[in-house]
Protein backbone atom coordinates (compact mmCIF):
# COMPACT_ATOMS: atom_id res chain seq x y z
CA MET A 1 -19.46 0.14 11.81
CA ALA A 2 -21.74 1.62 9.13
CA ALA A 3 -18.75 2.91 7.15
CA ARG A 4 -17.10 -0.51 7.26
CA GLU A 5 -20.33 -2.16 6.04
CA ARG A 6 -20.49 0.28 3.13
CA VAL A 7 -16.96 -0.75 2.16
CA VAL A 8 -17.97 -4.42 2.14
CA GLN A 9 -21.06 -3.62 0.05
CA ALA A 10 -19.05 -1.59 -2.45
CA GLN A 11 -16.45 -4.34 -2.81
CA ALA A 12 -19.21 -6.91 -3.34
CA ARG A 13 -20.74 -4.68 -6.01
CA LEU A 14 -17.37 -4.41 -7.76
CA THR A 15 -16.93 -8.18 -7.73
CA GLY A 16 -20.44 -8.70 -9.10
CA THR A 17 -19.90 -6.12 -11.85
CA GLN A 18 -16.66 -7.81 -12.92
CA ARG A 19 -18.42 -11.18 -13.08
CA ASP A 20 -21.15 -9.73 -15.28
CA ARG A 21 -18.64 -9.45 -18.12
CA LEU A 22 -18.17 -13.22 -18.13
CA PRO A 23 -20.55 -15.58 -19.99
CA ASN A 24 -23.66 -16.42 -17.99
CA ILE A 25 -24.21 -20.17 -17.89
CA ALA A 26 -27.42 -21.72 -16.52
CA PRO A 27 -28.81 -25.27 -16.62
CA GLY A 28 -31.92 -25.94 -18.68
CA LEU A 29 -34.49 -28.72 -18.88
CA ALA A 30 -37.46 -28.93 -21.23
CA TYR A 31 -40.06 -31.60 -21.96
CA GLY A 32 -42.92 -31.47 -24.41
CA ARG A 33 -45.75 -33.78 -25.48
CA ALA A 34 -48.01 -33.45 -28.52
CA ASP A 35 -51.33 -35.19 -29.27
CA ASN A 36 -53.48 -34.13 -32.26
CA GLY A 37 -56.25 -36.63 -31.60
CA ASP A 38 -55.50 -38.82 -34.68
CA ASN A 39 -53.30 -41.30 -32.89
CA LEU A 40 -50.32 -39.09 -33.64
CA LYS A 41 -48.49 -38.58 -30.45
CA GLY A 42 -44.98 -37.42 -29.74
CA GLU A 43 -42.69 -36.62 -26.85
CA ALA A 44 -39.48 -34.61 -26.79
CA SER A 45 -37.03 -33.80 -24.01
CA LEU A 46 -34.01 -31.57 -23.77
CA VAL A 47 -31.48 -31.11 -20.97
CA GLY A 48 -28.24 -29.13 -21.00
CA PHE A 49 -26.69 -25.74 -20.36
CA GLU A 50 -27.58 -22.37 -21.83
CA ALA A 51 -24.86 -19.73 -22.24
CA ARG A 52 -25.43 -16.00 -22.72
CA TRP A 53 -22.71 -13.43 -23.33
CA GLU A 54 -23.05 -9.74 -24.05
CA LEU A 55 -20.35 -8.32 -26.31
CA ASP A 56 -18.93 -5.16 -24.80
CA LEU A 57 -18.56 -3.33 -28.10
CA TRP A 58 -18.95 0.20 -26.75
CA GLY A 59 -17.29 -0.21 -23.35
CA ALA A 60 -20.48 -0.23 -21.25
CA GLY A 61 -19.18 -3.06 -19.09
CA ALA A 62 -15.88 -1.27 -18.55
CA ARG A 63 -17.75 1.89 -17.51
CA ARG A 64 -19.81 -0.11 -15.00
CA ILE A 65 -16.61 -1.56 -13.56
CA ASP A 66 -15.10 1.92 -13.36
CA ALA A 67 -18.17 3.17 -11.49
CA ALA A 68 -18.10 0.21 -9.09
CA ARG A 69 -14.35 0.61 -8.54
CA ALA A 70 -14.82 4.33 -7.82
CA SER A 71 -17.64 3.50 -5.40
CA ALA A 72 -15.40 1.01 -3.59
CA GLY A 73 -12.57 3.55 -3.44
CA GLY A 74 -14.92 6.23 -2.15
CA ALA A 75 -16.27 3.90 0.52
CA GLY A 76 -12.71 3.10 1.61
CA ALA A 77 -11.82 6.79 1.76
CA ALA A 78 -15.01 7.51 3.72
CA LEU A 79 -14.02 4.78 6.19
CA ALA A 80 -10.56 6.34 6.55
CA ASP A 81 -12.18 9.74 7.09
CA ALA A 82 -14.41 8.28 9.79
CA GLN A 83 -11.38 6.68 11.43
CA VAL A 84 -9.51 10.01 11.40
CA SER A 85 -12.52 11.78 12.93
CA LEU A 86 -12.88 9.05 15.55
CA SER A 87 -9.18 9.28 16.43
CA ALA A 88 -9.52 13.03 16.84
CA GLU A 89 -12.57 12.64 19.09
CA ILE A 90 -10.76 10.03 21.20
CA ALA A 91 -7.74 12.31 21.57
CA ARG A 92 -9.98 15.26 22.47
CA ALA A 93 -11.87 13.22 25.07
CA TYR A 94 -8.61 11.89 26.53
CA LEU A 95 -7.10 15.36 26.82
CA SER A 96 -10.31 16.69 28.40
CA LEU A 97 -10.28 13.81 30.89
CA ARG A 98 -6.65 14.39 31.86
CA ARG A 99 -7.24 18.12 32.16
CA ALA A 100 -10.20 17.51 34.47
CA GLN A 101 -8.16 15.04 36.53
CA MET A 102 -5.26 17.49 36.85
CA THR A 103 -7.68 20.25 37.85
CA ASN A 104 -9.24 17.94 40.41
CA ALA A 105 -5.80 17.08 41.83
CA ARG A 106 -4.88 20.75 42.11
CA LEU A 107 -8.20 21.62 43.76
CA THR A 108 -7.77 18.74 46.21
CA ALA A 109 -4.41 20.14 47.33
CA GLU A 110 -5.87 23.63 47.62
CA GLN A 111 -8.86 22.27 49.55
CA ASP A 112 -6.56 20.57 52.07
CA LEU A 113 -4.68 23.85 52.48
CA ALA A 114 -7.94 25.75 52.90
CA LYS A 115 -9.00 23.34 55.68
CA GLU A 116 -5.77 24.11 57.52
CA GLN A 117 -6.38 27.83 57.07
CA VAL A 118 -9.89 27.49 58.56
CA ARG A 119 -8.49 25.58 61.51
CA TYR A 120 -5.76 28.17 62.01
CA ALA A 121 -8.21 31.10 61.73
CA ARG A 122 -10.52 29.54 64.33
CA GLN A 123 -7.63 28.96 66.71
CA ARG A 124 -6.63 32.61 66.47
CA ALA A 125 -10.24 33.71 66.92
CA ASP A 126 -10.66 31.47 69.97
CA ALA A 127 -7.46 32.91 71.44
CA GLY A 128 -8.87 36.42 70.99
CA LEU A 129 -6.18 37.45 68.52
CA THR A 130 -8.64 38.11 65.68
CA GLY A 131 -12.34 38.48 65.15
CA GLN A 132 -14.73 36.23 63.22
CA VAL A 133 -14.16 37.93 59.85
CA PRO A 134 -10.98 35.94 58.99
CA VAL A 135 -12.81 32.76 59.98
CA ALA A 136 -15.74 33.57 57.69
CA GLU A 137 -13.41 34.36 54.80
CA ALA A 138 -11.52 31.09 55.27
CA VAL A 139 -14.78 29.11 55.42
CA ARG A 140 -16.05 30.81 52.24
CA ARG A 141 -12.80 30.02 50.45
CA LEU A 142 -13.09 26.37 51.50
CA ALA A 143 -16.70 26.20 50.26
CA ASP A 144 -15.71 27.66 46.87
CA LEU A 145 -12.91 25.14 46.45
CA THR A 146 -15.24 22.29 47.42
CA ALA A 147 -17.77 23.36 44.78
CA LEU A 148 -15.07 23.64 42.12
CA ARG A 149 -13.74 20.21 43.00
CA VAL A 150 -17.22 18.68 42.66
CA GLU A 151 -17.50 20.20 39.18
CA ALA A 152 -14.07 18.90 38.19
CA THR A 153 -14.92 15.41 39.46
CA ALA A 154 -18.17 15.39 37.48
CA GLU A 155 -16.38 16.60 34.34
CA ALA A 156 -13.78 13.85 34.69
CA ALA A 157 -16.53 11.24 35.01
CA VAL A 158 -18.31 12.58 31.90
CA GLN A 159 -15.13 12.56 29.81
CA GLN A 160 -14.23 9.08 31.04
CA ASP A 161 -17.63 7.73 29.97
CA MET A 162 -17.28 9.55 26.63
CA LEU A 163 -13.88 7.96 26.09
CA ALA A 164 -15.34 4.55 26.92
CA MET A 165 -18.12 4.93 24.33
CA LEU A 166 -15.68 6.16 21.67
CA THR A 167 -13.53 3.06 22.22
CA GLY A 168 -16.51 0.67 21.99
CA GLN A 169 -17.12 0.12 25.71
CA VAL A 170 -20.13 0.77 27.90
CA PRO A 171 -20.08 3.84 30.17
CA GLY A 172 -18.38 3.07 33.45
CA ALA A 173 -16.29 0.21 32.04
CA LEU A 174 -13.21 2.36 31.49
CA VAL A 175 -11.24 3.50 34.53
CA LEU A 176 -8.15 5.69 34.14
CA ASN A 177 -6.16 6.57 37.22
CA ALA A 178 -5.88 10.22 38.06
CA VAL A 179 -2.72 12.20 37.49
CA ASN A 180 -0.54 11.69 40.55
CA SER A 181 2.95 12.90 39.55
CA ASP A 182 4.87 14.84 36.96
CA SER A 183 5.49 11.60 35.04
CA ASP A 184 1.74 11.39 34.35
CA VAL A 185 1.64 14.76 32.60
CA ILE A 186 0.48 14.53 28.99
CA PRO A 187 3.48 14.89 26.65
CA LEU A 188 3.38 17.82 24.26
CA PRO A 189 3.35 17.24 20.48
CA PRO A 190 6.50 17.99 18.49
CA ALA A 191 7.12 21.64 17.74
CA VAL A 192 7.53 20.93 14.01
CA VAL A 193 5.71 18.26 12.00
CA ALA A 194 7.09 17.37 8.58
CA VAL A 195 4.08 17.29 6.24
CA GLY A 196 5.98 17.29 2.93
CA ASP A 197 4.44 18.81 -0.15
CA PRO A 198 1.19 20.63 0.78
CA ALA A 199 -0.43 19.58 -2.51
CA SER A 200 0.31 15.89 -1.92
CA LEU A 201 -0.84 16.25 1.68
CA ILE A 202 -4.21 17.58 0.52
CA ALA A 203 -4.48 14.80 -2.06
CA ARG A 204 -3.97 12.22 0.72
CA ARG A 205 -6.79 13.59 2.84
CA PRO A 206 -9.55 10.96 3.12
CA ASP A 207 -12.35 13.45 2.50
CA ILE A 208 -10.63 14.73 -0.67
CA ARG A 209 -10.11 11.17 -1.91
CA ALA A 210 -13.76 10.32 -1.18
CA ALA A 211 -14.93 13.40 -3.11
CA ALA A 212 -12.65 12.51 -6.06
CA ALA A 213 -14.03 8.95 -6.06
CA ARG A 214 -17.60 10.27 -6.14
CA VAL A 215 -16.77 12.46 -9.13
CA ALA A 216 -15.11 9.53 -10.93
CA GLY A 217 -18.10 7.29 -10.21
CA ALA A 218 -20.58 9.90 -11.45
CA THR A 219 -18.54 10.37 -14.64
CA ALA A 220 -18.47 6.61 -15.28
CA ASP A 221 -22.23 6.36 -14.66
CA ARG A 222 -22.87 9.20 -17.13
CA ARG A 223 -20.75 7.55 -19.81
CA GLY A 224 -22.46 4.24 -19.16
CA ALA A 225 -25.87 5.88 -19.58
CA GLU A 226 -24.76 7.35 -22.90
CA ILE A 227 -23.47 3.98 -24.11
CA ALA A 228 -26.73 2.29 -23.07
CA ARG A 229 -28.48 4.15 -25.91
CA LEU A 230 -26.39 2.26 -28.50
CA PRO A 231 -27.33 -1.16 -29.92
CA MET A 232 -26.45 -4.18 -27.81
CA ILE A 233 -25.29 -7.56 -29.15
CA GLN A 234 -25.66 -10.80 -27.23
CA LEU A 235 -24.43 -14.27 -28.11
CA LEU A 236 -26.65 -17.18 -27.13
CA GLY A 237 -25.73 -20.83 -27.13
CA PHE A 238 -26.98 -24.17 -25.84
CA ILE A 239 -25.25 -27.51 -25.39
CA GLY A 240 -26.89 -30.61 -24.07
CA LEU A 241 -28.78 -33.81 -24.81
CA GLY A 242 -32.16 -34.08 -26.41
CA GLY A 243 -34.41 -36.39 -28.31
CA THR A 244 -37.83 -38.02 -28.52
CA GLY A 245 -39.35 -39.84 -25.61
CA ALA A 246 -39.63 -39.18 -21.91
CA PRO A 247 -36.82 -37.28 -20.22
CA PHE A 248 -33.68 -39.28 -19.57
CA GLU A 249 -35.16 -42.36 -21.25
CA SER A 250 -32.30 -44.46 -22.59
CA GLY A 251 -32.37 -45.10 -26.29
CA HIS A 252 -34.21 -41.86 -27.12
CA LEU A 253 -31.47 -39.30 -26.42
CA ALA A 254 -29.17 -37.87 -29.04
CA ASN A 255 -26.26 -35.49 -28.73
CA LEU A 256 -27.12 -31.98 -29.73
CA ALA A 257 -24.87 -28.94 -30.01
């Protein structure tokens, strides 16, 4: 969410910087009254629009746009990097969850078998065919499997809650059924992945693109700071209506340019 907000802010900054190169037009209204005490009185009013435009003689405005564009590109690359990292964390949590569920399923089957072994060992001991040692060993094996299954169940619950939070849900809201058959086994990735040219692959990495955008933005800011030391020229203009008398009084206004 924070990365997406930084993208919106950077894009807004770029739009604002591009608009700064256009003439700035603002409405204006002025009214004045003079009285020197000798029955000489006068009133003047003026209403119109004031325009201000800075000539980009040295390319300062272009450098500011370059810096804002680099900032927007870096924010977009940082968002893509965050999305890649989030996808990796989701995949890791999903694999951990499935592994815990598969372990739990295997331990459940072994626990059921261990219960049968305990029952069988007790039957043999009651019949006088064996002593109590095989019974104790079978009970210990069952207790170990029970403890391992509790750990696997807890691990599955933790990974399921982690997966829910990574996908924008509250813990406990996501419920994935346990692995019940061979069709539920996680498919393996392809043995060979075509990545193309290694150099172009590195250039497409979001973190590399974000770093390149930061360098480009810093370079544009440095050039803009150097240009700021040069003289600046601004054009000012005003168009409106003005004249003597109270503001907007008919008969006292004249066109001014």
